[in-house]
């Protein structure tokens, strides 16, 4: 049996129009509400929690085929771009 692979996508966002961390949480509420409920994904804000102008989130998935993990994370990134009102400054993807 082949060992499972792990895919981690880290997204760095610029957040406009948020004066407080509470405002930023509203902008990113869909991250947990939508993608956090997907059975094959885990999402977490991993940095910049106290900065209303920046956000860093990671999305993690696992499976037997690294190509499928890459594709899944690309599709999630496209969906996030369409849903979250904050531009992505940088995306890093690691597949093990």
PDB file of N, CA and C in Angstrom:
ATOM      1  N   UNK A   1       0.844  -1.185   0.000  1.00  0.00           N
ATOM      2  CA  UNK A   1       0.000   0.000   0.000  1.00  0.00           C
ATOM      3  C   UNK A   1       0.887   1.245   0.000  1.00  0.00           C
ATOM      4  N   UNK A   2       0.550   2.163  -0.853  1.00  0.00           N
ATOM      5  CA  UNK A   2       1.310   3.407  -0.966  1.00  0.00           C
ATOM      6  C   UNK A   2       0.952   4.344   0.189  1.00  0.00           C
ATOM      7  N   UNK A   3       1.946   5.071   0.676  1.00  0.00           N
ATOM      8  CA  UNK A   3       1.675   5.996   1.786  1.00  0.00           C
ATOM      9  C   UNK A   3       0.891   7.208   1.282  1.00  0.00           C
ATOM     10  N   UNK A   4       0.058   7.785   2.120  1.00  0.00           N
ATOM     11  CA  UNK A   4      -0.707   8.971   1.707  1.00  0.00           C
ATOM     12  C   UNK A   4       0.205  10.185   1.569  1.00  0.00           C
ATOM     13  N   UNK A   5      -0.183  11.067   0.681  1.00  0.00           N
ATOM     14  CA  UNK A   5       0.537  12.315   0.466  1.00  0.00           C
ATOM     15  C   UNK A   5      -0.225  13.449   1.142  1.00  0.00           C
ATOM     16  N   UNK A   6       0.493  14.508   1.447  1.00  0.00           N
ATOM     17  CA  UNK A   6      -0.074  15.673   2.120  1.00  0.00           C
ATOM     18  C   UNK A   6       0.148  16.895   1.245  1.00  0.00           C
ATOM     19  N   UNK A   7      -0.905  17.670   1.028  1.00  0.00           N
ATOM     20  CA  UNK A   7      -0.804  18.915   0.276  1.00  0.00           C
ATOM     21  C   UNK A   7      -1.153  20.088   1.176  1.00  0.00           C
ATOM     22  N   UNK A   8      -0.270  21.085   1.194  1.00  0.00           N
ATOM     23  CA  UNK A   8      -0.487  22.285   2.003  1.00  0.00           C
ATOM     24  C   UNK A   8      -0.379  23.500   1.091  1.00  0.00           C
ATOM     25  N   UNK A   9      -1.435  24.302   1.058  1.00  0.00           N
ATOM     26  CA  UNK A   9      -1.428  25.555   0.304  1.00  0.00           C
ATOM     27  C   UNK A   9      -1.531  26.698   1.309  1.00  0.00           C
ATOM     28  N   UNK A  10      -0.568  27.598   1.258  1.00  0.00           N
ATOM     29  CA  UNK A  10      -0.579  28.765   2.136  1.00  0.00           C
ATOM     30  C   UNK A  10      -0.833  29.998   1.283  1.00  0.00           C
ATOM     31  N   UNK A  11      -1.839  30.767   1.673  1.00  0.00           N
ATOM     32  CA  UNK A  11      -2.267  31.965   0.946  1.00  0.00           C
ATOM     33  C   UNK A  11      -2.019  33.197   1.805  1.00  0.00           C
ATOM     34  N   UNK A  12      -1.350  34.182   1.225  1.00  0.00           N
ATOM     35  CA  UNK A  12      -1.107  35.454   1.903  1.00  0.00           C
ATOM     36  C   UNK A  12      -1.999  36.504   1.238  1.00  0.00           C
ATOM     37  N   UNK A  13      -2.858  37.136   2.024  1.00  0.00           N
ATOM     38  CA  UNK A  13      -3.837  38.096   1.517  1.00  0.00           C
ATOM     39  C   UNK A  13      -3.507  39.518   1.960  1.00  0.00           C
ATOM     40  N   UNK A  14      -3.847  40.484   1.110  1.00  0.00           N
ATOM     41  CA  UNK A  14      -3.897  41.896   1.487  1.00  0.00           C
ATOM     42  C   UNK A  14      -5.361  42.188   1.771  1.00  0.00           C
ATOM     43  N   UNK A  15      -5.640  42.786   2.902  1.00  0.00           N
ATOM     44  CA  UNK A  15      -7.025  43.035   3.295  1.00  0.00           C
ATOM     45  C   UNK A  15      -7.258  44.541   3.303  1.00  0.00           C
ATOM     46  N   UNK A  16      -8.214  44.989   2.500  1.00  0.00           N
ATOM     47  CA  UNK A  16      -8.537  46.415   2.422  1.00  0.00           C
ATOM     48  C   UNK A  16      -9.858  46.695   3.127  1.00  0.00           C
ATOM     49  N   UNK A  17      -9.984  47.871   3.700  1.00  0.00           N
ATOM     50  CA  UNK A  17     -11.244  48.313   4.279  1.00  0.00           C
ATOM     51  C   UNK A  17     -11.567  47.750   5.647  1.00  0.00           C
ATOM     52  N   UNK A  18     -10.629  47.089   6.275  1.00  0.00           N
ATOM     53  CA  UNK A  18     -10.861  46.540   7.613  1.00  0.00           C
ATOM     54  C   UNK A  18     -10.058  47.351   8.623  1.00  0.00           C
ATOM     55  N   UNK A  19     -10.765  47.963   9.540  1.00  0.00           N
ATOM     56  CA  UNK A  19     -10.087  48.756  10.564  1.00  0.00           C
ATOM     57  C   UNK A  19      -9.759  47.933  11.801  1.00  0.00           C
ATOM     58  N   UNK A  20     -10.479  46.844  11.995  1.00  0.00           N
ATOM     59  CA  UNK A  20     -10.267  46.020  13.185  1.00  0.00           C
ATOM     60  C   UNK A  20     -10.125  44.552  12.781  1.00  0.00           C
ATOM     61  N   UNK A  21      -9.633  43.770  13.702  1.00  0.00           N
ATOM     62  CA  UNK A  21      -9.529  42.329  13.481  1.00  0.00           C
ATOM     63  C   UNK A  21     -10.925  41.726  13.330  1.00  0.00           C
ATOM     64  N   UNK A  22     -11.879  42.275  14.040  1.00  0.00           N
ATOM     65  CA  UNK A  22     -13.270  41.797  13.920  1.00  0.00           C
ATOM     66  C   UNK A  22     -13.791  41.994  12.490  1.00  0.00           C
ATOM     67  N   UNK A  23     -13.478  43.143  11.875  1.00  0.00           N
ATOM     68  CA  UNK A  23     -13.859  43.370  10.476  1.00  0.00           C
ATOM     69  C   UNK A  23     -13.228  42.318   9.567  1.00  0.00           C
ATOM     70  N   UNK A  24     -11.954  42.029   9.806  1.00  0.00           N
ATOM     71  CA  UNK A  24     -11.245  41.036   8.992  1.00  0.00           C
ATOM     72  C   UNK A  24     -11.883  39.657   9.147  1.00  0.00           C
ATOM     73  N   UNK A  25     -12.300  39.311  10.349  1.00  0.00           N
ATOM     74  CA  UNK A  25     -12.932  38.006  10.568  1.00  0.00           C
ATOM     75  C   UNK A  25     -14.202  37.865   9.737  1.00  0.00           C
ATOM     76  N   UNK A  26     -14.936  38.972   9.568  1.00  0.00           N
ATOM     77  CA  UNK A  26     -16.140  38.932   8.737  1.00  0.00           C
ATOM     78  C   UNK A  26     -15.788  38.642   7.279  1.00  0.00           C
ATOM     79  N   UNK A  27     -14.712  39.290   6.789  1.00  0.00           N
ATOM     80  CA  UNK A  27     -14.285  39.083   5.400  1.00  0.00           C
ATOM     81  C   UNK A  27     -13.930  37.615   5.160  1.00  0.00           C
ATOM     82  N   UNK A  28     -13.290  36.991   6.144  1.00  0.00           N
ATOM     83  CA  UNK A  28     -12.795  35.631   5.973  1.00  0.00           C
ATOM     84  C   UNK A  28     -13.693  34.561   6.594  1.00  0.00           C
ATOM     85  N   UNK A  29     -14.895  34.917   6.988  1.00  0.00           N
ATOM     86  CA  UNK A  29     -15.781  33.930   7.621  1.00  0.00           C
ATOM     87  C   UNK A  29     -16.079  32.748   6.698  1.00  0.00           C
ATOM     88  N   UNK A  30     -16.082  32.981   5.387  1.00  0.00           N
ATOM     89  CA  UNK A  30     -16.358  31.893   4.443  1.00  0.00           C
ATOM     90  C   UNK A  30     -15.256  30.840   4.427  1.00  0.00           C
ATOM     91  N   UNK A  31     -14.051  31.208   4.817  1.00  0.00           N
ATOM     92  CA  UNK A  31     -12.956  30.228   4.795  1.00  0.00           C
ATOM     93  C   UNK A  31     -13.320  29.007   5.635  1.00  0.00           C
ATOM     94  N   UNK A  32     -13.767  29.238   6.841  1.00  0.00           N
ATOM     95  CA  UNK A  32     -14.147  28.109   7.700  1.00  0.00           C
ATOM     96  C   UNK A  32     -15.538  27.581   7.348  1.00  0.00           C
ATOM     97  N   UNK A  33     -16.460  28.493   7.050  1.00  0.00           N
ATOM     98  CA  UNK A  33     -17.842  28.096   6.792  1.00  0.00           C
ATOM     99  C   UNK A  33     -17.951  27.213   5.548  1.00  0.00           C
ATOM    100  N   UNK A  34     -17.225  27.530   4.499  1.00  0.00           N
ATOM    101  CA  UNK A  34     -17.331  26.768   3.249  1.00  0.00           C
ATOM    102  C   UNK A  34     -16.279  25.664   3.187  1.00  0.00           C
ATOM    103  N   UNK A  35     -15.008  26.051   3.189  1.00  0.00           N
ATOM    104  CA  UNK A  35     -13.947  25.068   2.966  1.00  0.00           C
ATOM    105  C   UNK A  35     -13.619  24.279   4.229  1.00  0.00           C
ATOM    106  N   UNK A  36     -13.921  24.821   5.381  1.00  0.00           N
ATOM    107  CA  UNK A  36     -13.702  24.084   6.620  1.00  0.00           C
ATOM    108  C   UNK A  36     -14.657  22.918   6.797  1.00  0.00           C
ATOM    109  N   UNK A  37     -15.743  22.914   6.044  1.00  0.00           N
ATOM    110  CA  UNK A  37     -16.720  21.815   6.124  1.00  0.00           C
ATOM    111  C   UNK A  37     -16.494  20.747   5.055  1.00  0.00           C
ATOM    112  N   UNK A  38     -15.564  20.997   4.159  1.00  0.00           N
ATOM    113  CA  UNK A  38     -15.249  19.995   3.137  1.00  0.00           C
ATOM    114  C   UNK A  38     -14.571  18.806   3.813  1.00  0.00           C
ATOM    115  N   UNK A  39     -15.002  17.577   3.529  1.00  0.00           N
ATOM    116  CA  UNK A  39     -14.450  16.424   4.248  1.00  0.00           C
ATOM    117  C   UNK A  39     -12.976  16.149   3.966  1.00  0.00           C
ATOM    118  N   UNK A  40     -12.463  16.650   2.845  1.00  0.00           N
ATOM    119  CA  UNK A  40     -11.067  16.378   2.502  1.00  0.00           C
ATOM    120  C   UNK A  40     -10.140  17.561   2.770  1.00  0.00           C
ATOM    121  N   UNK A  41     -10.648  18.615   3.426  1.00  0.00           N
ATOM    122  CA  UNK A  41      -9.845  19.817   3.659  1.00  0.00           C
ATOM    123  C   UNK A  41      -9.821  20.199   5.134  1.00  0.00           C
ATOM    124  N   UNK A  42      -8.724  20.825   5.523  1.00  0.00           N
ATOM    125  CA  UNK A  42      -8.628  21.503   6.820  1.00  0.00           C
ATOM    126  C   UNK A  42      -8.134  22.912   6.524  1.00  0.00           C
ATOM    127  N   UNK A  43      -8.709  23.919   7.176  1.00  0.00           N
ATOM    128  CA  UNK A  43      -8.301  25.309   6.962  1.00  0.00           C
ATOM    129  C   UNK A  43      -8.019  25.974   8.301  1.00  0.00           C
ATOM    130  N   UNK A  44      -7.043  26.885   8.283  1.00  0.00           N
ATOM    131  CA  UNK A  44      -6.707  27.617   9.507  1.00  0.00           C
ATOM    132  C   UNK A  44      -5.997  28.911   9.142  1.00  0.00           C
ATOM    133  N   UNK A  45      -6.297  29.953   9.916  1.00  0.00           N
ATOM    134  CA  UNK A  45      -5.525  31.192   9.806  1.00  0.00           C
ATOM    135  C   UNK A  45      -4.248  30.963  10.612  1.00  0.00           C
ATOM    136  N   UNK A  46      -3.097  31.026   9.943  1.00  0.00           N
ATOM    137  CA  UNK A  46      -1.850  30.617  10.593  1.00  0.00           C
ATOM    138  C   UNK A  46      -0.926  31.768  10.961  1.00  0.00           C
ATOM    139  N   UNK A  47      -1.211  32.979  10.484  1.00  0.00           N
ATOM    140  CA  UNK A  47      -0.359  34.132  10.813  1.00  0.00           C
ATOM    141  C   UNK A  47      -1.160  35.408  10.595  1.00  0.00           C
ATOM    142  N   UNK A  48      -0.623  36.508  11.083  1.00  0.00           N
ATOM    143  CA  UNK A  48      -1.226  37.843  10.913  1.00  0.00           C
ATOM    144  C   UNK A  48      -2.589  37.966  11.581  1.00  0.00           C
ATOM    145  N   UNK A  49      -2.848  37.161  12.602  1.00  0.00           N
ATOM    146  CA  UNK A  49      -4.154  37.199  13.260  1.00  0.00           C
ATOM    147  C   UNK A  49      -4.471  38.567  13.860  1.00  0.00           C
ATOM    148  N   UNK A  50      -3.469  39.304  14.299  1.00  0.00           N
ATOM    149  CA  UNK A  50      -3.699  40.596  14.951  1.00  0.00           C
ATOM    150  C   UNK A  50      -3.557  41.783  14.006  1.00  0.00           C
ATOM    151  N   UNK A  51      -3.374  41.533  12.716  1.00  0.00           N
ATOM    152  CA  UNK A  51      -3.189  42.605  11.733  1.00  0.00           C
ATOM    153  C   UNK A  51      -4.426  42.685  10.841  1.00  0.00           C
ATOM    154  N   UNK A  52      -5.224  43.765  10.939  1.00  0.00           N
ATOM    155  CA  UNK A  52      -6.427  43.853  10.111  1.00  0.00           C
ATOM    156  C   UNK A  52      -6.136  44.042   8.623  1.00  0.00           C
ATOM    157  N   UNK A  53      -4.890  44.344   8.255  1.00  0.00           N
ATOM    158  CA  UNK A  53      -4.550  44.576   6.854  1.00  0.00           C
ATOM    159  C   UNK A  53      -3.952  43.385   6.133  1.00  0.00           C
ATOM    160  N   UNK A  54      -3.651  42.321   6.867  1.00  0.00           N
ATOM    161  CA  UNK A  54      -3.051  41.129   6.266  1.00  0.00           C
ATOM    162  C   UNK A  54      -3.716  39.876   6.819  1.00  0.00           C
ATOM    163  N   UNK A  55      -3.662  38.811   6.040  1.00  0.00           N
ATOM    164  CA  UNK A  55      -4.167  37.518   6.509  1.00  0.00           C
ATOM    165  C   UNK A  55      -3.347  36.419   5.846  1.00  0.00           C
ATOM    166  N   UNK A  56      -3.052  35.392   6.609  1.00  0.00           N
ATOM    167  CA  UNK A  56      -2.343  34.226   6.080  1.00  0.00           C
ATOM    168  C   UNK A  56      -3.108  32.981   6.507  1.00  0.00           C
ATOM    169  N   UNK A  57      -3.556  32.237   5.521  1.00  0.00           N
ATOM    170  CA  UNK A  57      -4.351  31.030   5.753  1.00  0.00           C
ATOM    171  C   UNK A  57      -3.685  29.843   5.080  1.00  0.00           C
ATOM    172  N   UNK A  58      -3.832  28.671   5.678  1.00  0.00           N
ATOM    173  CA  UNK A  58      -3.391  27.428   5.048  1.00  0.00           C
ATOM    174  C   UNK A  58      -4.585  26.510   4.839  1.00  0.00           C
ATOM    175  N   UNK A  59      -4.536  25.809   3.712  1.00  0.00           N
ATOM    176  CA  UNK A  59      -5.523  24.789   3.374  1.00  0.00           C
ATOM    177  C   UNK A  59      -4.742  23.488   3.210  1.00  0.00           C
ATOM    178  N   UNK A  60      -5.182  22.445   3.894  1.00  0.00           N
ATOM    179  CA  UNK A  60      -4.469  21.169   3.892  1.00  0.00           C
ATOM    180  C   UNK A  60      -5.401  20.070   3.392  1.00  0.00           C
ATOM    181  N   UNK A  61      -4.848  19.179   2.564  1.00  0.00           N
ATOM    182  CA  UNK A  61      -5.586  18.010   2.103  1.00  0.00           C
ATOM    183  C   UNK A  61      -4.631  16.825   2.038  1.00  0.00           C
ATOM    184  N   UNK A  62      -5.185  15.639   1.989  1.00  0.00           N
ATOM    185  CA  UNK A  62      -4.365  14.430   1.931  1.00  0.00           C
ATOM    186  C   UNK A  62      -4.998  13.430   0.976  1.00  0.00           C
ATOM    187  N   UNK A  63      -4.156  12.571   0.391  1.00  0.00           N
ATOM    188  CA  UNK A  63      -4.661  11.560  -0.525  1.00  0.00           C
ATOM    189  C   UNK A  63      -3.538  10.750  -1.141  1.00  0.00           C
ATOM    190  N   UNK A  64      -3.892   9.757  -1.961  1.00  0.00           N
ATOM    191  CA  UNK A  64      -2.894   8.842  -2.500  1.00  0.00           C
ATOM    192  C   UNK A  64      -2.122   9.365  -3.715  1.00  0.00           C
ATOM    193  N   UNK A  65      -2.632  10.397  -4.400  1.00  0.00           N
ATOM    194  CA  UNK A  65      -2.032  10.848  -5.661  1.00  0.00           C
ATOM    195  C   UNK A  65      -1.645  12.328  -5.576  1.00  0.00           C
ATOM    196  N   UNK A  66      -0.355  12.647  -5.635  1.00  0.00           N
ATOM    197  CA  UNK A  66       0.074  14.051  -5.550  1.00  0.00           C
ATOM    198  C   UNK A  66      -0.532  14.941  -6.636  1.00  0.00           C
ATOM    199  N   UNK A  67      -0.754  14.388  -7.835  1.00  0.00           N
ATOM    200  CA  UNK A  67      -1.344  15.199  -8.918  1.00  0.00           C
ATOM    201  C   UNK A  67      -2.772  15.613  -8.580  1.00  0.00           C
ATOM    202  N   UNK A  68      -3.515  14.699  -7.969  1.00  0.00           N
ATOM    203  CA  UNK A  68      -4.884  15.035  -7.569  1.00  0.00           C
ATOM    204  C   UNK A  68      -4.898  16.075  -6.453  1.00  0.00           C
ATOM    205  N   UNK A  69      -3.936  15.990  -5.543  1.00  0.00           N
ATOM    206  CA  UNK A  69      -3.839  16.992  -4.475  1.00  0.00           C
ATOM    207  C   UNK A  69      -3.550  18.366  -5.066  1.00  0.00           C
ATOM    208  N   UNK A  70      -2.618  18.424  -6.022  1.00  0.00           N
ATOM    209  CA  UNK A  70      -2.274  19.687  -6.687  1.00  0.00           C
ATOM    210  C   UNK A  70      -3.512  20.271  -7.366  1.00  0.00           C
ATOM    211  N   UNK A  71      -4.245  19.435  -8.099  1.00  0.00           N
ATOM    212  CA  UNK A  71      -5.450  19.881  -8.785  1.00  0.00           C
ATOM    213  C   UNK A  71      -6.499  20.368  -7.785  1.00  0.00           C
ATOM    214  N   UNK A  72      -6.704  19.616  -6.723  1.00  0.00           N
ATOM    215  CA  UNK A  72      -7.702  19.991  -5.706  1.00  0.00           C
ATOM    216  C   UNK A  72      -7.369  21.346  -5.098  1.00  0.00           C
ATOM    217  N   UNK A  73      -6.105  21.557  -4.761  1.00  0.00           N
ATOM    218  CA  UNK A  73      -5.710  22.834  -4.153  1.00  0.00           C
ATOM    219  C   UNK A  73      -5.839  23.986  -5.145  1.00  0.00           C
ATOM    220  N   UNK A  74      -5.557  23.744  -6.429  1.00  0.00           N
ATOM    221  CA  UNK A  74      -5.750  24.789  -7.442  1.00  0.00           C
ATOM    222  C   UNK A  74      -7.220  25.173  -7.560  1.00  0.00           C
ATOM    223  N   UNK A  75      -8.092  24.180  -7.523  1.00  0.00           N
ATOM    224  CA  UNK A  75      -9.531  24.452  -7.594  1.00  0.00           C
ATOM    225  C   UNK A  75     -10.009  25.226  -6.361  1.00  0.00           C
ATOM    226  N   UNK A  76      -9.494  24.878  -5.207  1.00  0.00           N
ATOM    227  CA  UNK A  76      -9.852  25.604  -3.981  1.00  0.00           C
ATOM    228  C   UNK A  76      -9.367  27.047  -4.073  1.00  0.00           C
ATOM    229  N   UNK A  77      -8.158  27.262  -4.573  1.00  0.00           N
ATOM    230  CA  UNK A  77      -7.646  28.630  -4.713  1.00  0.00           C
ATOM    231  C   UNK A  77      -8.537  29.456  -5.638  1.00  0.00           C
ATOM    232  N   UNK A  78      -8.958  28.880  -6.760  1.00  0.00           N
ATOM    233  CA  UNK A  78      -9.863  29.591  -7.676  1.00  0.00           C
ATOM    234  C   UNK A  78     -11.170  29.957  -6.978  1.00  0.00           C
ATOM    235  N   UNK A  79     -11.711  29.030  -6.208  1.00  0.00           N
ATOM    236  CA  UNK A  79     -12.964  29.282  -5.493  1.00  0.00           C
ATOM    237  C   UNK A  79     -12.784  30.369  -4.438  1.00  0.00           C
ATOM    238  N   UNK A  80     -11.653  30.356  -3.754  1.00  0.00           N
ATOM    239  CA  UNK A  80     -11.374  31.389  -2.750  1.00  0.00           C
ATOM    240  C   UNK A  80     -11.268  32.752  -3.419  1.00  0.00           C
ATOM    241  N   UNK A  81     -10.578  32.819  -4.553  1.00  0.00           N
ATOM    242  CA  UNK A  81     -10.463  34.081  -5.290  1.00  0.00           C
ATOM    243  C   UNK A  81     -11.835  34.632  -5.662  1.00  0.00           C
ATOM    244  N   UNK A  82     -12.755  33.750  -6.029  1.00  0.00           N
ATOM    245  CA  UNK A  82     -14.094  34.179  -6.427  1.00  0.00           C
ATOM    246  C   UNK A  82     -14.952  34.585  -5.238  1.00  0.00           C
ATOM    247  N   UNK A  83     -14.654  34.062  -4.060  1.00  0.00           N
ATOM    248  CA  UNK A  83     -15.537  34.253  -2.905  1.00  0.00           C
ATOM    249  C   UNK A  83     -15.035  35.269  -1.879  1.00  0.00           C
ATOM    250  N   UNK A  84     -13.738  35.332  -1.661  1.00  0.00           N
ATOM    251  CA  UNK A  84     -13.166  36.191  -0.621  1.00  0.00           C
ATOM    252  C   UNK A  84     -12.777  37.535  -1.234  1.00  0.00           C
ATOM    253  N   UNK A  85     -13.221  38.620  -0.608  1.00  0.00           N
ATOM    254  CA  UNK A  85     -12.964  39.965  -1.121  1.00  0.00           C
ATOM    255  C   UNK A  85     -11.635  40.500  -0.574  1.00  0.00           C
ATOM    256  N   UNK A  86     -10.549  39.838  -0.982  1.00  0.00           N
ATOM    257  CA  UNK A  86      -9.201  40.261  -0.599  1.00  0.00           C
ATOM    258  C   UNK A  86      -8.235  39.646  -1.609  1.00  0.00           C
ATOM    259  N   UNK A  87      -7.364  40.458  -2.200  1.00  0.00           N
ATOM    260  CA  UNK A  87      -6.432  39.901  -3.181  1.00  0.00           C
ATOM    261  C   UNK A  87      -5.381  39.005  -2.524  1.00  0.00           C
ATOM    262  N   UNK A  88      -4.998  37.968  -3.250  1.00  0.00           N
ATOM    263  CA  UNK A  88      -3.937  37.074  -2.791  1.00  0.00           C
ATOM    264  C   UNK A  88      -2.604  37.655  -3.239  1.00  0.00           C
ATOM    265  N   UNK A  89      -1.723  37.910  -2.284  1.00  0.00           N
ATOM    266  CA  UNK A  89      -0.393  38.435  -2.583  1.00  0.00           C
ATOM    267  C   UNK A  89       0.566  37.325  -2.995  1.00  0.00           C
ATOM    268  N   UNK A  90       0.410  36.156  -2.391  1.00  0.00           N
ATOM    269  CA  UNK A  90       1.342  35.060  -2.639  1.00  0.00           C
ATOM    270  C   UNK A  90       0.654  33.739  -2.301  1.00  0.00           C
ATOM    271  N   UNK A  91       0.962  32.725  -3.090  1.00  0.00           N
ATOM    272  CA  UNK A  91       0.474  31.371  -2.833  1.00  0.00           C
ATOM    273  C   UNK A  91       1.663  30.425  -2.835  1.00  0.00           C
ATOM    274  N   UNK A  92       1.740  29.609  -1.807  1.00  0.00           N
ATOM    275  CA  UNK A  92       2.784  28.585  -1.733  1.00  0.00           C
ATOM    276  C   UNK A  92       2.102  27.234  -1.587  1.00  0.00           C
ATOM    277  N   UNK A  93       2.532  26.274  -2.404  1.00  0.00           N
ATOM    278  CA  UNK A  93       1.966  24.928  -2.346  1.00  0.00           C
ATOM    279  C   UNK A  93       3.105  23.939  -2.122  1.00  0.00           C
ATOM    280  N   UNK A  94       2.906  23.078  -1.147  1.00  0.00           N
ATOM    281  CA  UNK A  94       3.863  22.010  -0.864  1.00  0.00           C
ATOM    282  C   UNK A  94       3.107  20.690  -0.899  1.00  0.00           C
ATOM    283  N   UNK A  95       3.649  19.739  -1.646  1.00  0.00           N
ATOM    284  CA  UNK A  95       3.070  18.399  -1.715  1.00  0.00           C
ATOM    285  C   UNK A  95       4.151  17.420  -1.263  1.00  0.00           C
ATOM    286  N   UNK A  96       3.840  16.628  -0.260  1.00  0.00           N
ATOM    287  CA  UNK A  96       4.770  15.593   0.222  1.00  0.00           C
ATOM    288  C   UNK A  96       4.187  14.230  -0.029  1.00  0.00           C
TER     289      UNK A  96
END
